[in-house]
Amino acid sequence: QVQLVESGGGLVQPGGSLRLSCAASGSYIFSRDVVGWYRQPPGKGRELVAVLITSGSTTYADSVKGRFTISREYAKNMVYLQMNSLKPEDTAVYYCNVVRLKINYWGKGTLVTVSS
């Protein structure tokens, strides 16, 4: 079992930056696990933001390429999402995800609001 807790969300002005953190407990995040961030904008479905696979390769949604960066820190059992040049359309609840042996683990999410 993996428990995930996101933090770092909040209100930010357009053009600003935020760093989301995802703390894992109950189990180490193994190198073979796939880790990712998803988001759910108001009134819409959940969508992929970024994924980091075992080889170190990353995949980003087209809408965030060049602005967001996913990373992980093995020693601290953490996953991060650095978000730069934020836009109002980035407003959403952001969820951390770990996939282990085809089982999905999710956090409860953290709200990011981009508004002036």
Protein backbone atom coordinates (compact mmCIF):
# COMPACT_ATOMS: atom_id res chain seq x y z
CA GLN A 1 0.00 0.00 0.00
CA VAL A 2 1.14 3.49 -0.82
CA GLN A 3 -0.39 6.56 0.78
CA LEU A 4 0.13 9.84 -1.05
CA VAL A 5 -0.33 13.36 0.28
CA GLU A 6 -0.02 16.40 -1.96
CA SER A 7 0.92 19.89 -0.82
CA GLY A 8 2.03 23.21 -2.23
CA GLY A 9 -1.14 24.36 -3.93
CA GLY A 10 -2.61 27.80 -3.51
CA LEU A 11 -3.49 31.05 -5.22
CA VAL A 12 -0.96 32.46 -7.65
CA GLN A 13 -1.03 35.24 -10.23
CA PRO A 14 -0.70 34.51 -13.94
CA GLY A 15 2.97 34.14 -14.83
CA GLY A 16 3.85 32.95 -11.36
CA SER A 17 5.31 29.67 -10.15
CA LEU A 18 4.41 26.94 -7.70
CA ARG A 19 6.07 23.74 -6.63
CA LEU A 20 3.79 20.87 -5.75
CA SER A 21 5.06 18.11 -3.51
CA CYS A 22 3.80 14.56 -3.05
CA ALA A 23 4.85 12.69 0.05
CA ALA A 24 4.60 8.91 -0.03
CA SER A 25 4.20 6.75 3.05
CA GLY A 26 3.40 3.15 3.81
CA SER A 27 5.94 2.03 1.23
CA TYR A 28 8.95 3.33 -0.59
CA ILE A 29 8.39 4.52 -4.14
CA PHE A 30 10.43 2.00 -6.03
CA SER A 31 12.39 2.78 -9.15
CA ARG A 32 10.10 0.50 -11.14
CA ASP A 33 7.00 2.48 -10.13
CA VAL A 34 5.51 4.97 -12.55
CA VAL A 35 4.84 8.32 -10.92
CA GLY A 36 2.74 11.12 -12.28
CA TRP A 37 0.65 14.21 -11.76
CA TYR A 38 -2.89 14.62 -13.00
CA ARG A 39 -5.31 17.50 -12.67
CA GLN A 40 -9.03 18.12 -12.72
CA PRO A 41 -10.13 21.60 -13.80
CA PRO A 42 -13.47 22.90 -12.49
CA GLY A 43 -16.34 21.13 -14.21
CA LYS A 44 -14.06 18.87 -16.24
CA GLY A 45 -12.59 15.40 -16.05
CA ARG A 46 -9.21 14.38 -14.72
CA GLU A 47 -6.36 14.74 -17.20
CA LEU A 48 -2.71 13.78 -17.41
CA VAL A 49 -0.19 16.50 -16.62
CA ALA A 50 3.13 14.66 -16.43
CA VAL A 51 4.44 11.15 -16.00
CA LEU A 52 7.89 9.88 -15.05
CA ILE A 53 8.61 6.27 -15.93
CA THR A 54 11.21 3.85 -14.65
CA SER A 55 13.82 4.68 -17.28
CA GLY A 56 13.71 8.33 -16.31
CA SER A 57 11.76 9.32 -19.38
CA THR A 58 9.03 11.88 -18.99
CA THR A 59 5.79 12.61 -20.76
CA TYR A 60 3.97 15.91 -20.53
CA ALA A 61 0.62 17.16 -21.69
CA ASP A 62 1.06 19.49 -24.65
CA SER A 63 -0.50 22.31 -22.66
CA VAL A 64 2.27 22.25 -20.03
CA LYS A 65 5.36 21.35 -22.06
CA GLY A 66 8.20 23.73 -21.42
CA ARG A 67 6.52 25.12 -18.31
CA PHE A 68 6.16 22.17 -15.92
CA THR A 69 8.79 19.71 -14.71
CA ILE A 70 8.19 16.45 -12.87
CA SER A 71 10.87 14.99 -10.65
CA ARG A 72 11.32 12.52 -7.82
CA GLU A 73 13.64 12.30 -4.85
CA TYR A 74 14.25 8.71 -3.82
CA ALA A 75 15.92 9.49 -0.51
CA LYS A 76 12.93 11.49 0.71
CA ASN A 77 10.27 9.34 -0.98
CA MET A 78 8.92 12.43 -2.70
CA VAL A 79 7.58 13.42 -6.10
CA TYR A 80 7.49 17.03 -7.25
CA LEU A 81 5.88 19.15 -9.94
CA GLN A 82 7.55 22.47 -10.66
CA MET A 83 5.08 24.76 -12.41
CA ASN A 84 6.29 27.95 -14.07
CA SER A 85 4.60 30.58 -16.21
CA LEU A 86 1.23 29.59 -14.80
CA LYS A 87 -1.91 30.45 -16.72
CA PRO A 88 -5.52 30.76 -15.58
CA GLU A 89 -6.29 27.57 -17.49
CA ASP A 90 -3.91 25.70 -15.17
CA THR A 91 -6.45 26.18 -12.39
CA ALA A 92 -7.37 22.72 -11.13
CA VAL A 93 -7.07 20.20 -8.36
CA TYR A 94 -3.75 18.44 -8.84
CA TYR A 95 -3.36 14.79 -7.93
CA CYS A 96 -0.28 12.70 -7.37
CA ASN A 97 -0.34 9.18 -8.81
CA VAL A 98 1.81 6.09 -8.40
CA VAL A 99 1.31 2.99 -10.51
CA ARG A 100 2.74 -0.22 -9.13
CA LEU A 101 2.11 -3.54 -10.81
CA LYS A 102 -0.87 -1.99 -12.63
CA ILE A 103 -2.44 -0.76 -9.37
CA ASN A 104 -3.12 2.97 -9.18
CA TYR A 105 -2.58 4.90 -5.97
CA TRP A 106 -3.90 8.44 -5.64
CA GLY A 107 -3.61 11.30 -3.23
CA LYS A 108 -6.56 13.50 -2.29
CA GLY A 109 -5.30 16.42 -4.33
CA THR A 110 -4.22 20.01 -3.82
CA LEU A 111 -5.98 23.01 -5.33
CA VAL A 112 -4.10 25.39 -7.60
CA THR A 113 -5.83 28.62 -8.53
CA VAL A 114 -4.25 30.96 -11.07
CA SER A 115 -5.94 34.32 -10.99
CA SER A 116 -5.18 38.01 -10.77
